């Protein structure tokens, strides 16, 4: 499977894109630059040392090769909880729901976002021990036979041939690795598994494209050790 590399103006984004047919109807959304969106949402996650996921409709400016964030409201940052902060930040998005799982994961999900790809079940997933970072782990998930078969059977493909391969952090010896051998897990469960090694949130963005299709972007925003979050995308 060819990987599309998406780079923000700050060289922070690496995103994997698929074209999926039979798009559900949705409104035009998104529009928040990824660096700003990542810093705002990531700042809240970093402060709380929280982990979770963000699933939403965006606009995906393909010509710029990066994903965008949902519309966000600037907040004061003095809320009592991470849920209150995120709910106020996403209050300008009427479809967004922010909740917390029993295990503590924060879920930021637009109620009408399709989750077909997240439900694909992977029967055998081994994370390559030679690669480092969350980006390489996402590549391992998306290159499984079940995901590639789903893509083929649903006539899915990449938009263009912009780039391929792993991000540079995959070869950084000081970056932790995701270890493990998983059986019979969904794509969503596999993405959650990455959170055991890297705190932060994974991102699943859907965008309309002409011809009743959609693009899906996966990304990972890692909590930073300081107030300014380090951002990575896949």
C-alpha atoms as a PDB file:
ATOM      1  CA  UNK A   1       0.000   0.000   0.000  1.00  0.00           C
ATOM      2  CA  UNK A   2       1.396   3.348  -0.966  1.00  0.00           C
ATOM      3  CA  UNK A   3       1.547   5.874   1.854  1.00  0.00           C
ATOM      4  CA  UNK A   4       0.771   9.513   1.301  1.00  0.00           C
ATOM      5  CA  UNK A   5       3.060  11.859   3.216  1.00  0.00           C
ATOM      6  CA  UNK A   6       1.385  15.074   4.331  1.00  0.00           C
ATOM      7  CA  UNK A   7       3.548  17.919   5.630  1.00  0.00           C
ATOM      8  CA  UNK A   8       2.353  21.001   7.476  1.00  0.00           C
ATOM      9  CA  UNK A   9       4.054  24.378   6.977  1.00  0.00           C
ATOM     10  CA  UNK A  10       6.041  23.508  10.101  1.00  0.00           C
ATOM     11  CA  UNK A  11       6.990  20.070   8.725  1.00  0.00           C
ATOM     12  CA  UNK A  12       4.922  18.409  11.436  1.00  0.00           C
ATOM     13  CA  UNK A  13       2.350  16.383   9.518  1.00  0.00           C
ATOM     14  CA  UNK A  14       2.593  12.988   7.922  1.00  0.00           C
ATOM     15  CA  UNK A  15      -0.776  11.600   6.887  1.00  0.00           C
ATOM     16  CA  UNK A  16      -2.056   8.464   5.245  1.00  0.00           C
ATOM     17  CA  UNK A  17      -4.933   9.032   2.819  1.00  0.00           C
ATOM     18  CA  UNK A  18      -7.469   6.754   1.204  1.00  0.00           C
ATOM     19  CA  UNK A  19     -10.283   7.493  -1.206  1.00  0.00           C
ATOM     20  CA  UNK A  20     -13.445   5.716  -0.070  1.00  0.00           C
ATOM     21  CA  UNK A  21     -16.491   5.407  -2.287  1.00  0.00           C
ATOM     22  CA  UNK A  22     -20.134   5.890  -1.318  1.00  0.00           C
ATOM     23  CA  UNK A  23     -19.567   8.857   0.983  1.00  0.00           C
ATOM     24  CA  UNK A  24     -22.240   9.648   3.524  1.00  0.00           C
ATOM     25  CA  UNK A  25     -23.766  13.086   3.178  1.00  0.00           C
ATOM     26  CA  UNK A  26     -22.129  15.644   5.433  1.00  0.00           C
ATOM     27  CA  UNK A  27     -21.715  19.341   5.860  1.00  0.00           C
ATOM     28  CA  UNK A  28     -18.533  21.171   4.998  1.00  0.00           C
ATOM     29  CA  UNK A  29     -16.547  21.313   8.196  1.00  0.00           C
ATOM     30  CA  UNK A  30     -13.022  21.660   9.424  1.00  0.00           C
ATOM     31  CA  UNK A  31     -10.896  24.571   8.340  1.00  0.00           C
ATOM     32  CA  UNK A  32      -8.697  24.972  11.426  1.00  0.00           C
ATOM     33  CA  UNK A  33      -4.984  24.824  10.471  1.00  0.00           C
ATOM     34  CA  UNK A  34      -3.392  21.609  11.775  1.00  0.00           C
ATOM     35  CA  UNK A  35      -0.572  23.281  13.688  1.00  0.00           C
ATOM     36  CA  UNK A  36      -2.989  25.589  15.549  1.00  0.00           C
ATOM     37  CA  UNK A  37      -5.527  22.814  16.102  1.00  0.00           C
ATOM     38  CA  UNK A  38      -2.879  20.396  17.306  1.00  0.00           C
ATOM     39  CA  UNK A  39      -1.454  22.933  19.735  1.00  0.00           C
ATOM     40  CA  UNK A  40      -4.877  23.847  21.154  1.00  0.00           C
ATOM     41  CA  UNK A  41      -6.253  20.336  21.581  1.00  0.00           C
ATOM     42  CA  UNK A  42      -2.836  18.847  22.253  1.00  0.00           C
ATOM     43  CA  UNK A  43      -2.165  21.457  24.924  1.00  0.00           C
ATOM     44  CA  UNK A  44      -5.197  20.282  26.883  1.00  0.00           C
ATOM     45  CA  UNK A  45      -4.166  16.643  26.523  1.00  0.00           C
ATOM     46  CA  UNK A  46      -0.600  17.431  27.547  1.00  0.00           C
ATOM     47  CA  UNK A  47      -1.678  19.378  30.627  1.00  0.00           C
ATOM     48  CA  UNK A  48      -3.894  16.496  31.779  1.00  0.00           C
ATOM     49  CA  UNK A  49      -1.559  13.740  30.507  1.00  0.00           C
ATOM     50  CA  UNK A  50      -4.657  12.366  28.783  1.00  0.00           C
ATOM     51  CA  UNK A  51      -5.083   9.983  25.856  1.00  0.00           C
ATOM     52  CA  UNK A  52      -7.899   9.363  23.416  1.00  0.00           C
ATOM     53  CA  UNK A  53      -9.112   9.927  19.863  1.00  0.00           C
ATOM     54  CA  UNK A  54     -10.601  12.536  17.523  1.00  0.00           C
ATOM     55  CA  UNK A  55     -13.028  11.412  14.770  1.00  0.00           C
ATOM     56  CA  UNK A  56     -14.596  14.049  12.525  1.00  0.00           C
ATOM     57  CA  UNK A  57     -15.467  15.475   9.119  1.00  0.00           C
ATOM     58  CA  UNK A  58     -13.015  17.987   7.698  1.00  0.00           C
ATOM     59  CA  UNK A  59     -12.241  19.680   4.417  1.00  0.00           C
ATOM     60  CA  UNK A  60      -8.797  18.099   3.795  1.00  0.00           C
ATOM     61  CA  UNK A  61      -7.110  20.679   1.520  1.00  0.00           C
ATOM     62  CA  UNK A  62      -5.544  18.042  -0.717  1.00  0.00           C
ATOM     63  CA  UNK A  63      -3.457  20.477  -2.728  1.00  0.00           C
ATOM     64  CA  UNK A  64      -1.658  21.509   0.471  1.00  0.00           C
ATOM     65  CA  UNK A  65      -1.067  17.887   1.579  1.00  0.00           C
ATOM     66  CA  UNK A  66      -2.189  18.202   5.174  1.00  0.00           C
ATOM     67  CA  UNK A  67      -5.307  17.542   7.189  1.00  0.00           C
ATOM     68  CA  UNK A  68      -7.266  20.266   8.942  1.00  0.00           C
ATOM     69  CA  UNK A  69      -8.930  20.269  12.368  1.00  0.00           C
ATOM     70  CA  UNK A  70     -12.582  20.872  13.259  1.00  0.00           C
ATOM     71  CA  UNK A  71     -13.650  24.408  14.026  1.00  0.00           C
ATOM     72  CA  UNK A  72     -12.423  25.390  17.490  1.00  0.00           C
ATOM     73  CA  UNK A  73     -13.316  28.055  20.028  1.00  0.00           C
ATOM     74  CA  UNK A  74     -10.483  29.787  21.824  1.00  0.00           C
ATOM     75  CA  UNK A  75     -10.862  29.176  25.554  1.00  0.00           C
ATOM     76  CA  UNK A  76      -9.336  30.602  28.702  1.00  0.00           C
ATOM     77  CA  UNK A  77      -7.769  27.334  29.834  1.00  0.00           C
ATOM     78  CA  UNK A  78      -8.896  27.595  33.464  1.00  0.00           C
ATOM     79  CA  UNK A  79     -11.566  24.884  33.382  1.00  0.00           C
ATOM     80  CA  UNK A  80     -11.727  22.332  36.179  1.00  0.00           C
ATOM     81  CA  UNK A  81     -11.472  19.267  33.937  1.00  0.00           C
ATOM     82  CA  UNK A  82     -10.183  18.154  30.548  1.00  0.00           C
ATOM     83  CA  UNK A  83     -13.758  17.286  29.520  1.00  0.00           C
ATOM     84  CA  UNK A  84     -15.026  20.791  30.318  1.00  0.00           C
ATOM     85  CA  UNK A  85     -12.143  22.365  28.427  1.00  0.00           C
ATOM     86  CA  UNK A  86     -12.618  20.226  25.333  1.00  0.00           C
ATOM     87  CA  UNK A  87     -16.394  20.580  25.339  1.00  0.00           C
ATOM     88  CA  UNK A  88     -16.091  24.353  25.407  1.00  0.00           C
ATOM     89  CA  UNK A  89     -13.390  24.299  22.719  1.00  0.00           C
ATOM     90  CA  UNK A  90     -15.604  22.186  20.417  1.00  0.00           C
ATOM     91  CA  UNK A  91     -18.822  24.034  21.303  1.00  0.00           C
ATOM     92  CA  UNK A  92     -18.796  25.710  17.866  1.00  0.00           C
ATOM     93  CA  UNK A  93     -19.191  22.256  16.281  1.00  0.00           C
ATOM     94  CA  UNK A  94     -22.803  21.120  16.924  1.00  0.00           C
ATOM     95  CA  UNK A  95     -22.052  17.544  15.835  1.00  0.00           C
ATOM     96  CA  UNK A  96     -19.089  17.002  18.163  1.00  0.00           C
ATOM     97  CA  UNK A  97     -19.529  14.911  21.302  1.00  0.00           C
ATOM     98  CA  UNK A  98     -16.788  14.773  23.940  1.00  0.00           C
ATOM     99  CA  UNK A  99     -16.974  11.906  26.413  1.00  0.00           C
ATOM    100  CA  UNK A 100     -14.709   9.751  28.544  1.00  0.00           C
ATOM    101  CA  UNK A 101     -14.522   5.954  28.479  1.00  0.00           C
ATOM    102  CA  UNK A 102     -14.483   3.922  31.670  1.00  0.00           C
ATOM    103  CA  UNK A 103     -10.734   3.396  31.210  1.00  0.00           C
ATOM    104  CA  UNK A 104     -10.109   7.158  30.999  1.00  0.00           C
ATOM    105  CA  UNK A 105      -9.718   7.630  27.246  1.00  0.00           C
ATOM    106  CA  UNK A 106     -11.178  10.897  25.938  1.00  0.00           C
ATOM    107  CA  UNK A 107     -13.349  10.459  22.845  1.00  0.00           C
ATOM    108  CA  UNK A 108     -14.006  13.461  20.591  1.00  0.00           C
ATOM    109  CA  UNK A 109     -16.395  12.131  17.933  1.00  0.00           C
ATOM    110  CA  UNK A 110     -18.772  13.856  15.548  1.00  0.00           C
ATOM    111  CA  UNK A 111     -22.022  11.935  15.743  1.00  0.00           C
ATOM    112  CA  UNK A 112     -22.368  11.441  11.970  1.00  0.00           C
ATOM    113  CA  UNK A 113     -18.791  10.489  11.075  1.00  0.00           C
ATOM    114  CA  UNK A 114     -18.556   7.069   9.291  1.00  0.00           C
ATOM    115  CA  UNK A 115     -16.557   4.451  11.167  1.00  0.00           C
ATOM    116  CA  UNK A 116     -16.499   1.628   8.612  1.00  0.00           C
ATOM    117  CA  UNK A 117     -12.717   1.576   8.311  1.00  0.00           C
ATOM    118  CA  UNK A 118     -12.270   1.688  12.099  1.00  0.00           C
ATOM    119  CA  UNK A 119     -14.412  -1.447  12.420  1.00  0.00           C
ATOM    120  CA  UNK A 120     -12.271  -3.565  10.090  1.00  0.00           C
ATOM    121  CA  UNK A 121     -11.027  -6.548  12.114  1.00  0.00           C
ATOM    122  CA  UNK A 122      -7.355  -7.509  11.939  1.00  0.00           C
ATOM    123  CA  UNK A 123      -6.725 -11.150  12.769  1.00  0.00           C
ATOM    124  CA  UNK A 124      -2.977 -10.953  13.285  1.00  0.00           C
ATOM    125  CA  UNK A 125      -0.972  -7.775  13.874  1.00  0.00           C
ATOM    126  CA  UNK A 126       2.670  -7.651  14.844  1.00  0.00           C
ATOM    127  CA  UNK A 127       4.323  -4.260  15.330  1.00  0.00           C
ATOM    128  CA  UNK A 128       7.815  -4.259  13.758  1.00  0.00           C
ATOM    129  CA  UNK A 129      10.382  -4.119  16.544  1.00  0.00           C
ATOM    130  CA  UNK A 130      12.917  -2.309  14.354  1.00  0.00           C
ATOM    131  CA  UNK A 131      10.815   0.855  13.932  1.00  0.00           C
ATOM    132  CA  UNK A 132      10.210   3.609  16.455  1.00  0.00           C
ATOM    133  CA  UNK A 133       7.384   6.041  17.177  1.00  0.00           C
ATOM    134  CA  UNK A 134       3.578   6.102  16.794  1.00  0.00           C
ATOM    135  CA  UNK A 135       3.721   6.903  13.072  1.00  0.00           C
ATOM    136  CA  UNK A 136       5.443   3.600  12.268  1.00  0.00           C
ATOM    137  CA  UNK A 137       2.853   1.775  14.371  1.00  0.00           C
ATOM    138  CA  UNK A 138       0.023   3.344  12.355  1.00  0.00           C
ATOM    139  CA  UNK A 139       1.735   2.279   9.127  1.00  0.00           C
ATOM    140  CA  UNK A 140       1.852  -1.304  10.462  1.00  0.00           C
ATOM    141  CA  UNK A 141      -1.895  -1.212  11.145  1.00  0.00           C
ATOM    142  CA  UNK A 142      -2.801   0.211   7.743  1.00  0.00           C
ATOM    143  CA  UNK A 143      -0.597  -2.249   5.876  1.00  0.00           C
ATOM    144  CA  UNK A 144      -2.277  -5.351   7.316  1.00  0.00           C
ATOM    145  CA  UNK A 145      -3.915  -7.685   4.817  1.00  0.00           C
ATOM    146  CA  UNK A 146      -7.394  -7.017   6.203  1.00  0.00           C
ATOM    147  CA  UNK A 147      -7.129  -3.269   5.705  1.00  0.00           C
ATOM    148  CA  UNK A 148      -5.630  -3.583   2.230  1.00  0.00           C
ATOM    149  CA  UNK A 149      -8.283  -6.174   1.296  1.00  0.00           C
ATOM    150  CA  UNK A 150     -11.032  -3.864   2.555  1.00  0.00           C
ATOM    151  CA  UNK A 151      -9.531  -1.111   0.457  1.00  0.00           C
ATOM    152  CA  UNK A 152      -9.400  -3.272  -2.646  1.00  0.00           C
ATOM    153  CA  UNK A 153     -12.901  -4.721  -2.231  1.00  0.00           C
ATOM    154  CA  UNK A 154     -14.384  -1.259  -1.750  1.00  0.00           C
ATOM    155  CA  UNK A 155     -12.399   0.198  -4.650  1.00  0.00           C
ATOM    156  CA  UNK A 156     -10.305   2.371  -2.370  1.00  0.00           C
ATOM    157  CA  UNK A 157      -7.050   3.992  -3.419  1.00  0.00           C
ATOM    158  CA  UNK A 158      -4.621   6.753  -2.612  1.00  0.00           C
ATOM    159  CA  UNK A 159      -4.941  10.249  -4.025  1.00  0.00           C
ATOM    160  CA  UNK A 160      -1.860  10.613  -6.181  1.00  0.00           C
ATOM    161  CA  UNK A 161       1.657   9.429  -5.555  1.00  0.00           C
ATOM    162  CA  UNK A 162       3.017  12.138  -3.284  1.00  0.00           C
ATOM    163  CA  UNK A 163       5.395  10.079  -1.216  1.00  0.00           C
ATOM    164  CA  UNK A 164       6.016   6.752   0.461  1.00  0.00           C
ATOM    165  CA  UNK A 165       7.864   5.191   3.337  1.00  0.00           C
ATOM    166  CA  UNK A 166       8.220   5.787   7.037  1.00  0.00           C
ATOM    167  CA  UNK A 167       8.795   9.082   8.852  1.00  0.00           C
ATOM    168  CA  UNK A 168      12.299   9.904  10.013  1.00  0.00           C
ATOM    169  CA  UNK A 169      11.392   9.246  13.671  1.00  0.00           C
ATOM    170  CA  UNK A 170      10.934   5.563  12.785  1.00  0.00           C
ATOM    171  CA  UNK A 171      14.734   5.291  12.694  1.00  0.00           C
ATOM    172  CA  UNK A 172      15.442   7.430  15.784  1.00  0.00           C
ATOM    173  CA  UNK A 173      17.052   5.219  18.450  1.00  0.00           C
ATOM    174  CA  UNK A 174      15.955   7.509  21.285  1.00  0.00           C
ATOM    175  CA  UNK A 175      12.270   7.180  20.322  1.00  0.00           C
ATOM    176  CA  UNK A 176      10.268   4.417  22.056  1.00  0.00           C
ATOM    177  CA  UNK A 177       8.812   1.537  20.057  1.00  0.00           C
ATOM    178  CA  UNK A 178       5.352   0.005  20.089  1.00  0.00           C
ATOM    179  CA  UNK A 179       5.763  -3.675  20.975  1.00  0.00           C
ATOM    180  CA  UNK A 180       3.149  -6.370  20.769  1.00  0.00           C
ATOM    181  CA  UNK A 181       1.425  -9.098  18.816  1.00  0.00           C
ATOM    182  CA  UNK A 182      -2.349  -8.588  18.632  1.00  0.00           C
ATOM    183  CA  UNK A 183      -5.041 -11.005  17.517  1.00  0.00           C
ATOM    184  CA  UNK A 184      -8.598 -10.292  16.324  1.00  0.00           C
ATOM    185  CA  UNK A 185      -8.642  -6.556  16.994  1.00  0.00           C
ATOM    186  CA  UNK A 186     -10.389  -3.799  15.080  1.00  0.00           C
ATOM    187  CA  UNK A 187      -8.462  -0.934  13.542  1.00  0.00           C
ATOM    188  CA  UNK A 188      -9.789   1.265  16.350  1.00  0.00           C
ATOM    189  CA  UNK A 189      -8.588  -1.145  19.024  1.00  0.00           C
ATOM    190  CA  UNK A 190      -5.178  -1.328  17.375  1.00  0.00           C
ATOM    191  CA  UNK A 191      -4.929   2.467  17.316  1.00  0.00           C
ATOM    192  CA  UNK A 192      -5.885   2.528  21.005  1.00  0.00           C
ATOM    193  CA  UNK A 193      -3.082   0.052  21.686  1.00  0.00           C
ATOM    194  CA  UNK A 194      -0.566   2.683  20.564  1.00  0.00           C
ATOM    195  CA  UNK A 195      -1.803   4.870  23.436  1.00  0.00           C
ATOM    196  CA  UNK A 196      -0.314   2.397  25.903  1.00  0.00           C
ATOM    197  CA  UNK A 197       3.146   3.484  24.739  1.00  0.00           C
ATOM    198  CA  UNK A 198       2.497   7.058  23.589  1.00  0.00           C
ATOM    199  CA  UNK A 199       0.107   9.347  25.425  1.00  0.00           C
ATOM    200  CA  UNK A 200      -1.856  11.724  23.218  1.00  0.00           C
ATOM    201  CA  UNK A 201      -4.626  11.223  20.689  1.00  0.00           C
ATOM    202  CA  UNK A 202      -5.003   9.574  17.338  1.00  0.00           C
ATOM    203  CA  UNK A 203      -6.934  11.378  14.643  1.00  0.00           C
ATOM    204  CA  UNK A 204      -9.366  10.018  12.052  1.00  0.00           C
ATOM    205  CA  UNK A 205     -10.520  12.691   9.595  1.00  0.00           C
ATOM    206  CA  UNK A 206     -13.057  12.172   6.825  1.00  0.00           C
ATOM    207  CA  UNK A 207     -13.453  14.573   3.905  1.00  0.00           C
ATOM    208  CA  UNK A 208     -15.740  14.785   0.890  1.00  0.00           C
ATOM    209  CA  UNK A 209     -14.202  14.809  -2.575  1.00  0.00           C
ATOM    210  CA  UNK A 210     -15.971  15.147  -5.955  1.00  0.00           C
ATOM    211  CA  UNK A 211     -17.724  12.060  -7.242  1.00  0.00           C
ATOM    212  CA  UNK A 212     -19.458  10.841  -4.068  1.00  0.00           C
ATOM    213  CA  UNK A 213     -16.183   9.772  -2.494  1.00  0.00           C
ATOM    214  CA  UNK A 214     -14.267  10.657   0.611  1.00  0.00           C
ATOM    215  CA  UNK A 215     -10.686  10.849   1.856  1.00  0.00           C
ATOM    216  CA  UNK A 216      -9.683   9.466   5.241  1.00  0.00           C
ATOM    217  CA  UNK A 217      -6.623  10.727   7.107  1.00  0.00           C
ATOM    218  CA  UNK A 218      -5.023   9.068  10.127  1.00  0.00           C
ATOM    219  CA  UNK A 219      -2.703  11.000  12.420  1.00  0.00           C
ATOM    220  CA  UNK A 220      -1.147  10.852  15.870  1.00  0.00           C
ATOM    221  CA  UNK A 221      -0.596  13.855  18.127  1.00  0.00           C
ATOM    222  CA  UNK A 222       1.752  12.972  20.934  1.00  0.00           C
ATOM    223  CA  UNK A 223       1.649  14.707  24.308  1.00  0.00           C
ATOM    224  CA  UNK A 224       4.724  16.852  24.823  1.00  0.00           C
ATOM    225  CA  UNK A 225       6.949  16.839  27.901  1.00  0.00           C
ATOM    226  CA  UNK A 226       6.498  20.624  28.072  1.00  0.00           C
ATOM    227  CA  UNK A 227       3.639  23.086  27.584  1.00  0.00           C
ATOM    228  CA  UNK A 228       4.095  23.157  23.804  1.00  0.00           C
ATOM    229  CA  UNK A 229       2.893  19.788  22.410  1.00  0.00           C
ATOM    230  CA  UNK A 230       5.005  17.849  19.969  1.00  0.00           C
ATOM    231  CA  UNK A 231       2.856  16.961  16.971  1.00  0.00           C
ATOM    232  CA  UNK A 232       3.203  14.017  14.644  1.00  0.00           C
ATOM    233  CA  UNK A 233       0.822  12.856  11.962  1.00  0.00           C
ATOM    234  CA  UNK A 234       0.413   9.778   9.858  1.00  0.00           C
END
